[in-house]
Amino acid sequence: MSFTLPELPYAHDALQPYMSKETLEYHHDKHHLAYVNNGNNLLKGTEWEGKSLEDIVKGSFGKNAGLFNNAGQHYNHLHFWKWMKPNGGGRIPGGLEKAIVDSLGSVDKMKEDFIQAGVTQFGSGWAWLAVKDGKIVVMKSPNGESPLVQGARPILGCDVWEHSYYIDYRNRRPDYLKAFVEHLVNWEYVEEMYRQATA
């Protein structure tokens, strides 16, 4: 199964002022495209050719660094675009909110821990909400890794590579993470992934 770059689910300028048109043009049209092209080249002739993206990510982890890095980032970004929407943030759907409170104590605590995970991820990487052993947990990972390779299912991720925020926030990663949580998250998509992870 070869990788393809998805269309953004909104216009390049739809997430302003929290994420600029210029950021999305670089991040989606150039960075994500590079993961797709490199991933396709590195996939050719490997044992994972023809497998699902999740199988490629899990199978290549620790075995084929080049393929893993590009397939992992392709997987992460496929969801990243859908984890955001214009006028995002706001109310969390009831079932998901209850699961967050049951697992993490409160919505405020979840947001605080999620932002802290992103702030404290040294260098490039991601902050996550994931489902592990039936509970929602906050995680972080370096580079292109995700909870998929840590025995969990991601339901929300925020890209904290500099290309995700530097044009708009320069070195203010905490401000970017706060804007992401408060104004960009598509909680309906998070809920959908939560349902799939707990089905």
C-alpha atoms as a PDB file:
ATOM      1  CA  MET A   1       0.000   0.000   0.000  1.00  0.00           C
ATOM      2  CA  SER A   2       1.784   3.133  -1.130  1.00  0.00           C
ATOM      3  CA  PHE A   3       1.542   6.364   0.840  1.00  0.00           C
ATOM      4  CA  THR A   4      -0.326   9.352  -0.576  1.00  0.00           C
ATOM      5  CA  LEU A   5      -0.517  12.927   0.673  1.00  0.00           C
ATOM      6  CA  PRO A   6      -4.092  13.668   1.783  1.00  0.00           C
ATOM      7  CA  GLU A   7      -5.822  16.926   0.983  1.00  0.00           C
ATOM      8  CA  LEU A   8      -6.135  19.189   4.018  1.00  0.00           C
ATOM      9  CA  PRO A   9      -9.705  18.973   5.403  1.00  0.00           C
ATOM     10  CA  TYR A  10      -9.878  22.807   5.383  1.00  0.00           C
ATOM     11  CA  ALA A  11      -8.295  25.726   3.503  1.00  0.00           C
ATOM     12  CA  HIS A  12      -4.665  26.618   4.246  1.00  0.00           C
ATOM     13  CA  ASP A  13      -5.794  29.826   5.960  1.00  0.00           C
ATOM     14  CA  ALA A  14      -8.684  28.266   7.940  1.00  0.00           C
ATOM     15  CA  LEU A  15      -6.790  27.835  11.235  1.00  0.00           C
ATOM     16  CA  GLN A  16      -5.606  31.450  11.528  1.00  0.00           C
ATOM     17  CA  PRO A  17      -4.647  33.177  13.764  1.00  0.00           C
ATOM     18  CA  TYR A  18      -3.555  30.071  15.716  1.00  0.00           C
ATOM     19  CA  MET A  19      -1.815  28.385  12.788  1.00  0.00           C
ATOM     20  CA  SER A  20      -0.919  30.456   9.748  1.00  0.00           C
ATOM     21  CA  LYS A  21      -1.406  29.773   6.066  1.00  0.00           C
ATOM     22  CA  GLU A  22       2.385  29.869   5.671  1.00  0.00           C
ATOM     23  CA  THR A  23       2.866  27.198   8.355  1.00  0.00           C
ATOM     24  CA  LEU A  24       0.344  24.872   6.698  1.00  0.00           C
ATOM     25  CA  GLU A  25       1.875  25.446   3.251  1.00  0.00           C
ATOM     26  CA  TYR A  26       5.290  24.404   4.564  1.00  0.00           C
ATOM     27  CA  HIS A  27       4.113  21.736   6.990  1.00  0.00           C
ATOM     28  CA  HIS A  28       1.525  19.958   4.848  1.00  0.00           C
ATOM     29  CA  ASP A  29       2.635  20.710   1.290  1.00  0.00           C
ATOM     30  CA  LYS A  30       6.384  20.254   1.854  1.00  0.00           C
ATOM     31  CA  HIS A  31       7.199  18.367   5.075  1.00  0.00           C
ATOM     32  CA  HIS A  32       4.384  15.825   4.906  1.00  0.00           C
ATOM     33  CA  LEU A  33       4.922  15.367   1.166  1.00  0.00           C
ATOM     34  CA  ALA A  34       8.589  14.574   1.844  1.00  0.00           C
ATOM     35  CA  TYR A  35       7.594  11.837   4.344  1.00  0.00           C
ATOM     36  CA  VAL A  36       5.253  10.383   1.706  1.00  0.00           C
ATOM     37  CA  ASN A  37       7.852  10.417  -1.082  1.00  0.00           C
ATOM     38  CA  ASN A  38      10.725   9.147   1.081  1.00  0.00           C
ATOM     39  CA  GLY A  39       8.477   6.538   2.674  1.00  0.00           C
ATOM     40  CA  ASN A  40       7.372   5.196  -0.706  1.00  0.00           C
ATOM     41  CA  ASN A  41      10.985   4.932  -1.910  1.00  0.00           C
ATOM     42  CA  LEU A  42      12.105   3.171   1.285  1.00  0.00           C
ATOM     43  CA  LEU A  43       9.121   0.795   1.251  1.00  0.00           C
ATOM     44  CA  LYS A  44       9.986  -0.681  -2.146  1.00  0.00           C
ATOM     45  CA  GLY A  45      11.338  -4.209  -1.933  1.00  0.00           C
ATOM     46  CA  THR A  46      10.863  -4.541   1.844  1.00  0.00           C
ATOM     47  CA  GLU A  47       8.824  -7.175   3.663  1.00  0.00           C
ATOM     48  CA  TRP A  48       6.269  -4.484   4.515  1.00  0.00           C
ATOM     49  CA  GLU A  49       5.373  -3.630   0.927  1.00  0.00           C
ATOM     50  CA  GLY A  50       1.609  -4.072   0.500  1.00  0.00           C
ATOM     51  CA  LYS A  51       0.941  -3.991   4.267  1.00  0.00           C
ATOM     52  CA  SER A  52      -1.305  -1.487   6.060  1.00  0.00           C
ATOM     53  CA  LEU A  53       0.286   1.727   7.338  1.00  0.00           C
ATOM     54  CA  GLU A  54      -0.143   0.624  10.977  1.00  0.00           C
ATOM     55  CA  ASP A  55       1.569  -2.697  10.215  1.00  0.00           C
ATOM     56  CA  ILE A  56       4.424  -0.861   8.466  1.00  0.00           C
ATOM     57  CA  VAL A  57       4.868   1.520  11.419  1.00  0.00           C
ATOM     58  CA  LYS A  58       4.800  -1.248  14.036  1.00  0.00           C
ATOM     59  CA  GLY A  59       6.819  -3.719  11.948  1.00  0.00           C
ATOM     60  CA  SER A  60       9.625  -1.361  10.936  1.00  0.00           C
ATOM     61  CA  PHE A  61      10.110   0.104  14.430  1.00  0.00           C
ATOM     62  CA  GLY A  62      13.592  -0.831  15.655  1.00  0.00           C
ATOM     63  CA  LYS A  63      14.303  -2.723  12.411  1.00  0.00           C
ATOM     64  CA  ASN A  64      14.380  -0.192   9.581  1.00  0.00           C
ATOM     65  CA  ALA A  65      14.971   3.322  10.911  1.00  0.00           C
ATOM     66  CA  GLY A  66      14.613   5.186   7.612  1.00  0.00           C
ATOM     67  CA  LEU A  67      11.326   3.534   6.695  1.00  0.00           C
ATOM     68  CA  PHE A  68      10.012   3.816  10.243  1.00  0.00           C
ATOM     69  CA  ASN A  69      10.798   7.532  10.517  1.00  0.00           C
ATOM     70  CA  ASN A  70       8.929   8.366   7.311  1.00  0.00           C
ATOM     71  CA  ALA A  71       6.036   5.913   7.762  1.00  0.00           C
ATOM     72  CA  GLY A  72       5.667   6.985  11.402  1.00  0.00           C
ATOM     73  CA  GLN A  73       5.527  10.647  10.476  1.00  0.00           C
ATOM     74  CA  HIS A  74       3.078   9.902   7.631  1.00  0.00           C
ATOM     75  CA  TYR A  75       0.803   8.089  10.112  1.00  0.00           C
ATOM     76  CA  ASN A  76       1.098  10.898  12.683  1.00  0.00           C
ATOM     77  CA  HIS A  77       0.377  13.631  10.131  1.00  0.00           C
ATOM     78  CA  LEU A  78      -2.568  11.846   8.496  1.00  0.00           C
ATOM     79  CA  HIS A  79      -4.289  12.212  11.867  1.00  0.00           C
ATOM     80  CA  PHE A  80      -2.734  15.552  12.858  1.00  0.00           C
ATOM     81  CA  TRP A  81      -4.614  17.417  10.094  1.00  0.00           C
ATOM     82  CA  LYS A  82      -7.891  15.837  11.259  1.00  0.00           C
ATOM     83  CA  TRP A  83      -7.151  16.527  14.939  1.00  0.00           C
ATOM     84  CA  MET A  84      -7.552  20.220  14.120  1.00  0.00           C
ATOM     85  CA  LYS A  85     -10.443  22.235  12.752  1.00  0.00           C
ATOM     86  CA  PRO A  86     -11.431  25.890  12.372  1.00  0.00           C
ATOM     87  CA  ASN A  87     -13.025  27.100  15.631  1.00  0.00           C
ATOM     88  CA  GLY A  88     -11.727  24.002  17.410  1.00  0.00           C
ATOM     89  CA  GLY A  89     -11.273  23.476  21.127  1.00  0.00           C
ATOM     90  CA  GLY A  90     -14.428  24.136  23.092  1.00  0.00           C
ATOM     91  CA  ARG A  91     -16.726  21.473  24.492  1.00  0.00           C
ATOM     92  CA  ILE A  92     -15.584  17.878  24.629  1.00  0.00           C
ATOM     93  CA  PRO A  93     -18.282  15.320  23.660  1.00  0.00           C
ATOM     94  CA  GLY A  94     -19.897  13.734  26.726  1.00  0.00           C
ATOM     95  CA  GLY A  95     -18.621  10.152  26.485  1.00  0.00           C
ATOM     96  CA  LEU A  96     -15.066  11.252  25.838  1.00  0.00           C
ATOM     97  CA  GLU A  97     -15.211  13.869  28.609  1.00  0.00           C
ATOM     98  CA  LYS A  98     -16.355  11.219  31.096  1.00  0.00           C
ATOM     99  CA  ALA A  99     -13.503   8.902  30.039  1.00  0.00           C
ATOM    100  CA  ILE A 100     -10.980  11.753  30.428  1.00  0.00           C
ATOM    101  CA  VAL A 101     -12.280  12.601  33.917  1.00  0.00           C
ATOM    102  CA  ASP A 102     -12.325   8.913  34.944  1.00  0.00           C
ATOM    103  CA  SER A 103      -8.754   8.386  33.713  1.00  0.00           C
ATOM    104  CA  LEU A 104      -7.043  11.696  34.458  1.00  0.00           C
ATOM    105  CA  GLY A 105      -9.113  13.402  37.163  1.00  0.00           C
ATOM    106  CA  SER A 106     -10.446  16.390  35.215  1.00  0.00           C
ATOM    107  CA  VAL A 107     -10.428  18.038  31.796  1.00  0.00           C
ATOM    108  CA  ASP A 108      -8.227  20.833  33.162  1.00  0.00           C
ATOM    109  CA  LYS A 109      -5.701  18.288  34.474  1.00  0.00           C
ATOM    110  CA  MET A 110      -5.692  16.513  31.089  1.00  0.00           C
ATOM    111  CA  LYS A 111      -5.002  19.794  29.270  1.00  0.00           C
ATOM    112  CA  GLU A 112      -2.291  20.767  31.742  1.00  0.00           C
ATOM    113  CA  ASP A 113      -0.568  17.363  31.505  1.00  0.00           C
ATOM    114  CA  PHE A 114      -0.854  17.291  27.707  1.00  0.00           C
ATOM    115  CA  ILE A 115       0.697  20.769  27.359  1.00  0.00           C
ATOM    116  CA  GLN A 116       3.419  19.807  29.851  1.00  0.00           C
ATOM    117  CA  ALA A 117       4.207  16.640  27.860  1.00  0.00           C
ATOM    118  CA  GLY A 118       4.696  18.750  24.740  1.00  0.00           C
ATOM    119  CA  VAL A 119       6.752  21.407  26.522  1.00  0.00           C
ATOM    120  CA  THR A 120       9.063  18.833  28.126  1.00  0.00           C
ATOM    121  CA  GLN A 121       9.572  16.688  24.999  1.00  0.00           C
ATOM    122  CA  PHE A 122      13.253  17.504  24.415  1.00  0.00           C
ATOM    123  CA  GLY A 123      13.952  18.280  20.757  1.00  0.00           C
ATOM    124  CA  SER A 124      11.528  17.054  18.102  1.00  0.00           C
ATOM    125  CA  GLY A 125       8.569  14.862  18.877  1.00  0.00           C
ATOM    126  CA  TRP A 126       4.905  14.678  19.831  1.00  0.00           C
ATOM    127  CA  ALA A 127       2.545  15.032  22.796  1.00  0.00           C
ATOM    128  CA  TRP A 128      -0.281  12.488  22.987  1.00  0.00           C
ATOM    129  CA  LEU A 129      -3.520  11.351  24.502  1.00  0.00           C
ATOM    130  CA  ALA A 130      -3.684   7.611  24.058  1.00  0.00           C
ATOM    131  CA  VAL A 131      -5.654   4.615  25.250  1.00  0.00           C
ATOM    132  CA  LYS A 132      -3.604   2.052  27.158  1.00  0.00           C
ATOM    133  CA  ASP A 133      -5.190  -0.874  29.010  1.00  0.00           C
ATOM    134  CA  GLY A 134      -8.611   0.748  28.562  1.00  0.00           C
ATOM    135  CA  LYS A 135      -7.585   4.050  30.199  1.00  0.00           C
ATOM    136  CA  ILE A 136      -6.737   7.432  28.651  1.00  0.00           C
ATOM    137  CA  VAL A 137      -3.121   8.364  29.325  1.00  0.00           C
ATOM    138  CA  VAL A 138      -0.893  11.328  28.452  1.00  0.00           C
ATOM    139  CA  MET A 139       2.312  10.377  26.663  1.00  0.00           C
ATOM    140  CA  LYS A 140       5.128  11.974  24.707  1.00  0.00           C
ATOM    141  CA  SER A 141       7.465  10.537  22.117  1.00  0.00           C
ATOM    142  CA  PRO A 142      10.613  11.562  20.256  1.00  0.00           C
ATOM    143  CA  ASN A 143      10.807  12.206  16.506  1.00  0.00           C
ATOM    144  CA  GLY A 144       8.250  10.151  14.530  1.00  0.00           C
ATOM    145  CA  GLU A 145       7.354   7.682  17.261  1.00  0.00           C
ATOM    146  CA  SER A 146       3.779   7.384  18.493  1.00  0.00           C
ATOM    147  CA  PRO A 147       1.888   5.415  21.142  1.00  0.00           C
ATOM    148  CA  LEU A 148       1.399   2.708  18.474  1.00  0.00           C
ATOM    149  CA  VAL A 149       4.926   1.476  19.194  1.00  0.00           C
ATOM    150  CA  GLN A 150       4.493   1.859  22.970  1.00  0.00           C
ATOM    151  CA  GLY A 151       1.597  -0.575  23.295  1.00  0.00           C
ATOM    152  CA  ALA A 152      -1.130   2.078  23.162  1.00  0.00           C
ATOM    153  CA  ARG A 153      -3.574   3.623  20.673  1.00  0.00           C
ATOM    154  CA  PRO A 154      -3.221   7.355  19.947  1.00  0.00           C
ATOM    155  CA  ILE A 155      -6.420   9.416  20.057  1.00  0.00           C
ATOM    156  CA  LEU A 156      -4.897  12.935  19.974  1.00  0.00           C
ATOM    157  CA  GLY A 157      -1.423  14.130  19.023  1.00  0.00           C
ATOM    158  CA  CYS A 158       0.269  17.507  18.791  1.00  0.00           C
ATOM    159  CA  ASP A 159       3.362  17.883  16.640  1.00  0.00           C
ATOM    160  CA  VAL A 160       6.093  19.712  18.575  1.00  0.00           C
ATOM    161  CA  TRP A 161       8.712  19.629  15.816  1.00  0.00           C
ATOM    162  CA  GLU A 162       9.806  23.222  15.227  1.00  0.00           C
ATOM    163  CA  HIS A 163       8.384  23.245  11.680  1.00  0.00           C
ATOM    164  CA  SER A 164       4.934  22.909  13.251  1.00  0.00           C
ATOM    165  CA  TYR A 165       5.086  26.199  15.135  1.00  0.00           C
ATOM    166  CA  TYR A 166       8.248  28.223  14.538  1.00  0.00           C
ATOM    167  CA  ILE A 167       6.856  30.510  11.814  1.00  0.00           C
ATOM    168  CA  ASP A 168       3.977  31.543  14.103  1.00  0.00           C
ATOM    169  CA  TYR A 169       5.389  31.248  17.624  1.00  0.00           C
ATOM    170  CA  ARG A 170       9.180  31.275  17.198  1.00  0.00           C
ATOM    171  CA  ASN A 171      10.555  29.560  20.349  1.00  0.00           C
ATOM    172  CA  ARG A 172       7.310  29.874  22.365  1.00  0.00           C
ATOM    173  CA  ARG A 173       6.334  26.204  22.309  1.00  0.00           C
ATOM    174  CA  PRO A 174       4.093  26.511  25.426  1.00  0.00           C
ATOM    175  CA  ASP A 175       2.004  29.223  23.688  1.00  0.00           C
ATOM    176  CA  TYR A 176       1.606  27.012  20.611  1.00  0.00           C
ATOM    177  CA  LEU A 177       0.481  24.032  22.713  1.00  0.00           C
ATOM    178  CA  LYS A 178      -1.999  26.182  24.643  1.00  0.00           C
ATOM    179  CA  ALA A 179      -3.438  27.559  21.391  1.00  0.00           C
ATOM    180  CA  PHE A 180      -3.665  24.015  19.999  1.00  0.00           C
ATOM    181  CA  VAL A 181      -5.610  22.718  23.004  1.00  0.00           C
ATOM    182  CA  GLU A 182      -7.878  25.748  23.437  1.00  0.00           C
ATOM    183  CA  HIS A 183      -8.576  26.741  19.816  1.00  0.00           C
ATOM    184  CA  LEU A 184      -7.636  24.013  17.322  1.00  0.00           C
ATOM    185  CA  VAL A 185      -8.505  20.526  18.623  1.00  0.00           C
ATOM    186  CA  ASN A 186     -11.277  18.712  16.768  1.00  0.00           C
ATOM    187  CA  TRP A 187     -12.712  16.836  19.757  1.00  0.00           C
ATOM    188  CA  GLU A 188     -15.224  14.979  17.556  1.00  0.00           C
ATOM    189  CA  TYR A 189     -12.345  13.302  15.731  1.00  0.00           C
ATOM    190  CA  VAL A 190     -10.657  12.525  19.064  1.00  0.00           C
ATOM    191  CA  GLU A 191     -13.912  10.921  20.209  1.00  0.00           C
ATOM    192  CA  GLU A 192     -14.084   8.861  17.018  1.00  0.00           C
ATOM    193  CA  MET A 193     -10.538   7.581  17.580  1.00  0.00           C
ATOM    194  CA  TYR A 194     -11.354   6.900  21.233  1.00  0.00           C
ATOM    195  CA  ARG A 195     -14.339   4.774  20.175  1.00  0.00           C
ATOM    196  CA  GLN A 196     -12.156   2.819  17.726  1.00  0.00           C
ATOM    197  CA  ALA A 197      -9.453   2.327  20.371  1.00  0.00           C
ATOM    198  CA  THR A 198     -11.924   0.947  22.920  1.00  0.00           C
ATOM    199  CA  ALA A 199     -14.148  -1.066  20.552  1.00  0.00           C
END
